[in-house]
N, C-alpha and C. Protein backbone atom coordinates (compact mmCIF):
# COMPACT_ATOMS: atom_id res chain seq x y z
N MET A 1 99.26 112.86 73.18
CA MET A 1 98.61 113.95 73.88
C MET A 1 97.10 113.76 73.90
N SER A 2 96.62 112.63 73.49
CA SER A 2 95.18 112.41 73.42
C SER A 2 94.50 112.40 74.78
N SER A 3 95.24 112.21 75.86
CA SER A 3 94.62 112.18 77.19
C SER A 3 94.39 113.58 77.76
N ILE A 4 94.88 114.60 77.09
CA ILE A 4 94.71 115.97 77.56
C ILE A 4 93.33 116.47 77.13
N GLN A 5 92.59 117.01 78.08
CA GLN A 5 91.24 117.50 77.84
C GLN A 5 91.25 118.94 77.34
N PRO A 6 90.30 119.32 76.48
CA PRO A 6 90.19 120.71 76.04
C PRO A 6 90.11 121.65 77.24
N GLY A 7 90.78 122.78 77.15
CA GLY A 7 90.80 123.74 78.24
C GLY A 7 91.89 123.49 79.26
N SER A 8 92.62 122.37 79.11
CA SER A 8 93.72 122.05 80.03
C SER A 8 94.91 122.96 79.77
N TRP A 9 95.70 123.14 80.82
CA TRP A 9 96.96 123.87 80.68
C TRP A 9 98.06 122.89 80.35
N ILE A 10 98.93 123.27 79.42
CA ILE A 10 100.13 122.49 79.17
C ILE A 10 101.34 123.42 79.26
N GLU A 11 102.47 122.83 79.56
CA GLU A 11 103.72 123.57 79.61
C GLU A 11 104.62 123.03 78.51
N VAL A 12 105.18 123.94 77.71
CA VAL A 12 106.05 123.54 76.61
C VAL A 12 107.37 124.28 76.69
N VAL A 13 108.36 123.72 76.00
CA VAL A 13 109.68 124.35 75.88
C VAL A 13 110.02 124.40 74.39
N PRO A 14 110.88 125.32 73.99
CA PRO A 14 111.28 125.37 72.59
C PRO A 14 111.92 124.04 72.17
N ALA A 15 111.60 123.57 70.98
CA ALA A 15 112.13 122.29 70.49
C ALA A 15 113.47 122.48 69.79
N TYR A 16 114.16 121.36 69.62
CA TYR A 16 115.39 121.28 68.82
C TYR A 16 116.50 122.19 69.32
N GLY A 17 116.57 122.39 70.65
CA GLY A 17 117.66 123.17 71.23
C GLY A 17 117.50 124.67 71.15
N ARG A 18 116.36 125.14 70.63
CA ARG A 18 116.15 126.59 70.58
C ARG A 18 115.90 127.13 71.97
N ASP A 19 116.17 128.42 72.15
CA ASP A 19 115.84 129.13 73.39
C ASP A 19 115.60 130.58 73.02
N TYR A 20 114.96 131.31 73.89
CA TYR A 20 114.63 132.70 73.61
C TYR A 20 115.01 133.56 74.80
N LYS A 21 115.32 134.84 74.52
CA LYS A 21 115.75 135.75 75.57
C LYS A 21 114.60 136.55 76.17
N ASN A 22 113.52 136.72 75.40
CA ASN A 22 112.42 137.55 75.91
C ASN A 22 111.07 137.05 75.40
N GLN A 23 110.01 137.60 75.99
CA GLN A 23 108.65 137.18 75.66
C GLN A 23 108.31 137.45 74.19
N LYS A 24 108.79 138.55 73.65
CA LYS A 24 108.49 138.89 72.26
C LYS A 24 108.99 137.79 71.33
N GLU A 25 110.22 137.31 71.54
CA GLU A 25 110.77 136.23 70.71
C GLU A 25 109.93 134.96 70.83
N VAL A 26 109.52 134.64 72.06
CA VAL A 26 108.71 133.43 72.29
C VAL A 26 107.39 133.54 71.54
N LYS A 27 106.71 134.65 71.69
CA LYS A 27 105.41 134.83 71.05
C LYS A 27 105.52 134.83 69.53
N GLU A 28 106.59 135.39 68.98
CA GLU A 28 106.78 135.37 67.53
C GLU A 28 107.00 133.94 67.04
N ALA A 29 107.81 133.17 67.77
CA ALA A 29 108.07 131.78 67.38
C ALA A 29 106.80 130.95 67.48
N TRP A 30 106.04 131.13 68.55
CA TRP A 30 104.80 130.37 68.74
C TRP A 30 103.80 130.72 67.64
N SER A 31 103.62 132.01 67.38
CA SER A 31 102.62 132.42 66.37
C SER A 31 103.02 132.00 64.96
N SER A 32 104.31 131.83 64.70
CA SER A 32 104.75 131.43 63.37
C SER A 32 104.63 129.93 63.14
N GLY A 33 104.25 129.19 64.18
CA GLY A 33 104.00 127.77 64.01
C GLY A 33 105.19 126.87 64.26
N LEU A 34 106.25 127.39 64.86
CA LEU A 34 107.40 126.54 65.16
C LEU A 34 107.02 125.47 66.17
N ASP A 35 107.75 124.37 66.14
CA ASP A 35 107.50 123.28 67.09
C ASP A 35 108.02 123.61 68.48
N PHE A 36 107.25 123.17 69.47
CA PHE A 36 107.65 123.21 70.86
C PHE A 36 107.46 121.81 71.40
N GLN A 37 108.05 121.52 72.55
CA GLN A 37 107.94 120.18 73.11
C GLN A 37 107.20 120.26 74.45
N GLU A 38 106.15 119.46 74.56
CA GLU A 38 105.35 119.40 75.79
C GLU A 38 106.19 118.74 76.87
N THR A 39 106.26 119.35 78.05
CA THR A 39 107.20 118.88 79.07
C THR A 39 106.81 117.55 79.71
N ALA A 40 105.54 117.27 79.83
CA ALA A 40 105.12 116.03 80.50
C ALA A 40 105.28 114.81 79.60
N THR A 41 104.93 114.95 78.32
CA THR A 41 104.95 113.79 77.42
C THR A 41 106.11 113.79 76.45
N ARG A 42 106.79 114.92 76.32
CA ARG A 42 107.89 115.12 75.38
C ARG A 42 107.43 115.08 73.92
N SER A 43 106.13 115.15 73.68
CA SER A 43 105.64 115.17 72.31
C SER A 43 105.71 116.61 71.77
N TYR A 44 105.82 116.71 70.46
CA TYR A 44 105.93 118.01 69.81
C TYR A 44 104.55 118.58 69.53
N ILE A 45 104.47 119.90 69.64
CA ILE A 45 103.20 120.60 69.43
C ILE A 45 103.50 122.00 68.93
N SER A 46 102.57 122.53 68.16
CA SER A 46 102.68 123.91 67.68
C SER A 46 101.35 124.61 67.95
N ILE A 47 101.28 125.87 67.59
CA ILE A 47 100.08 126.65 67.85
C ILE A 47 98.85 126.04 67.20
N GLY A 48 99.00 125.48 66.01
CA GLY A 48 97.85 124.89 65.31
C GLY A 48 97.22 123.76 66.09
N GLU A 49 98.05 122.81 66.55
CA GLU A 49 97.53 121.68 67.33
C GLU A 49 96.94 122.14 68.66
N ALA A 50 97.65 123.06 69.32
CA ALA A 50 97.17 123.54 70.62
C ALA A 50 95.80 124.21 70.47
N ASN A 51 95.64 125.01 69.44
CA ASN A 51 94.36 125.68 69.22
C ASN A 51 93.25 124.69 68.87
N ARG A 52 93.57 123.73 68.00
CA ARG A 52 92.57 122.71 67.63
C ARG A 52 92.11 121.91 68.84
N MET A 53 93.04 121.66 69.76
CA MET A 53 92.72 120.87 70.95
C MET A 53 92.15 121.73 72.09
N GLY A 54 92.11 123.05 71.89
CA GLY A 54 91.57 123.94 72.91
C GLY A 54 92.44 124.03 74.15
N LEU A 55 93.76 123.96 73.97
CA LEU A 55 94.67 123.96 75.11
C LEU A 55 95.14 125.36 75.46
N LYS A 56 95.36 125.58 76.72
CA LYS A 56 95.97 126.81 77.21
C LYS A 56 97.45 126.47 77.41
N THR A 57 98.32 127.33 76.92
CA THR A 57 99.73 126.96 76.84
C THR A 57 100.64 127.99 77.48
N ILE A 58 101.59 127.50 78.29
CA ILE A 58 102.66 128.35 78.79
C ILE A 58 103.97 127.81 78.25
N VAL A 59 104.90 128.74 78.01
CA VAL A 59 106.21 128.38 77.47
C VAL A 59 107.29 128.74 78.48
N ARG A 60 108.17 127.80 78.75
CA ARG A 60 109.37 128.06 79.54
C ARG A 60 110.47 128.45 78.57
N TYR A 61 111.21 129.50 78.90
CA TYR A 61 112.27 129.98 78.03
C TYR A 61 113.39 130.58 78.88
N SER A 62 114.40 131.15 78.25
CA SER A 62 115.56 131.73 78.93
C SER A 62 116.17 130.71 79.88
N LYS A 63 116.62 129.60 79.29
CA LYS A 63 117.21 128.47 80.03
C LYS A 63 116.24 127.92 81.06
N LEU A 64 114.95 127.91 80.69
CA LEU A 64 113.85 127.37 81.50
C LEU A 64 113.59 128.15 82.78
N GLN A 65 114.11 129.37 82.88
CA GLN A 65 113.95 130.16 84.09
C GLN A 65 112.76 131.11 84.06
N LYS A 66 112.22 131.38 82.87
CA LYS A 66 111.10 132.31 82.75
C LYS A 66 109.92 131.61 82.09
N VAL A 67 108.73 132.15 82.31
CA VAL A 67 107.50 131.56 81.77
C VAL A 67 106.63 132.65 81.17
N VAL A 68 106.00 132.33 80.03
CA VAL A 68 105.04 133.25 79.42
C VAL A 68 103.82 132.46 78.95
N ASP A 69 102.66 133.04 79.15
CA ASP A 69 101.39 132.45 78.69
C ASP A 69 101.19 132.86 77.23
N VAL A 70 101.11 131.87 76.34
CA VAL A 70 100.90 132.15 74.92
C VAL A 70 99.50 131.74 74.47
N SER A 71 98.61 131.50 75.40
CA SER A 71 97.26 131.04 75.08
C SER A 71 96.49 131.99 74.18
N LYS A 72 96.74 133.27 74.27
CA LYS A 72 95.99 134.25 73.49
C LYS A 72 96.75 134.73 72.26
N VAL A 73 97.92 134.15 72.01
CA VAL A 73 98.69 134.51 70.82
C VAL A 73 98.02 133.89 69.62
N THR A 74 97.91 134.65 68.55
CA THR A 74 97.28 134.16 67.33
C THR A 74 98.30 134.04 66.21
N THR A 75 97.93 133.31 65.19
CA THR A 75 98.80 133.20 64.02
C THR A 75 98.67 134.46 63.18
N PRO A 76 99.74 134.86 62.51
CA PRO A 76 99.65 136.07 61.69
C PRO A 76 98.66 135.88 60.54
N LYS A 77 98.03 136.96 60.16
CA LYS A 77 97.10 136.91 59.04
C LYS A 77 97.91 136.84 57.73
N SER A 78 97.51 135.96 56.81
CA SER A 78 98.24 135.83 55.55
C SER A 78 97.79 136.86 54.54
C-alpha cells in the first residue's frame, strides 16, 4: 500500500469472511481495530494503519451491496 498517497480514498471489505448487516456493526468493527482487506491490492488494513497513512476509507458490507464512510470513526478511548 506504499503507493497510496495521504488523503487518498480507499475501499475495503471485511476480512476473513466477515460481513455486517448495518452501518453500526461496520463502524464498531472498524473502530475496534479488526482487519479489513483493501479491494485494489488485497492487502490487509485496520483503522490504525489507515489513520497513520492519512487515508479516507469506505467499507463495502452486506454482501458488498452497501457502502459506509468510516473516515471519521475513531478508536474507543481506553
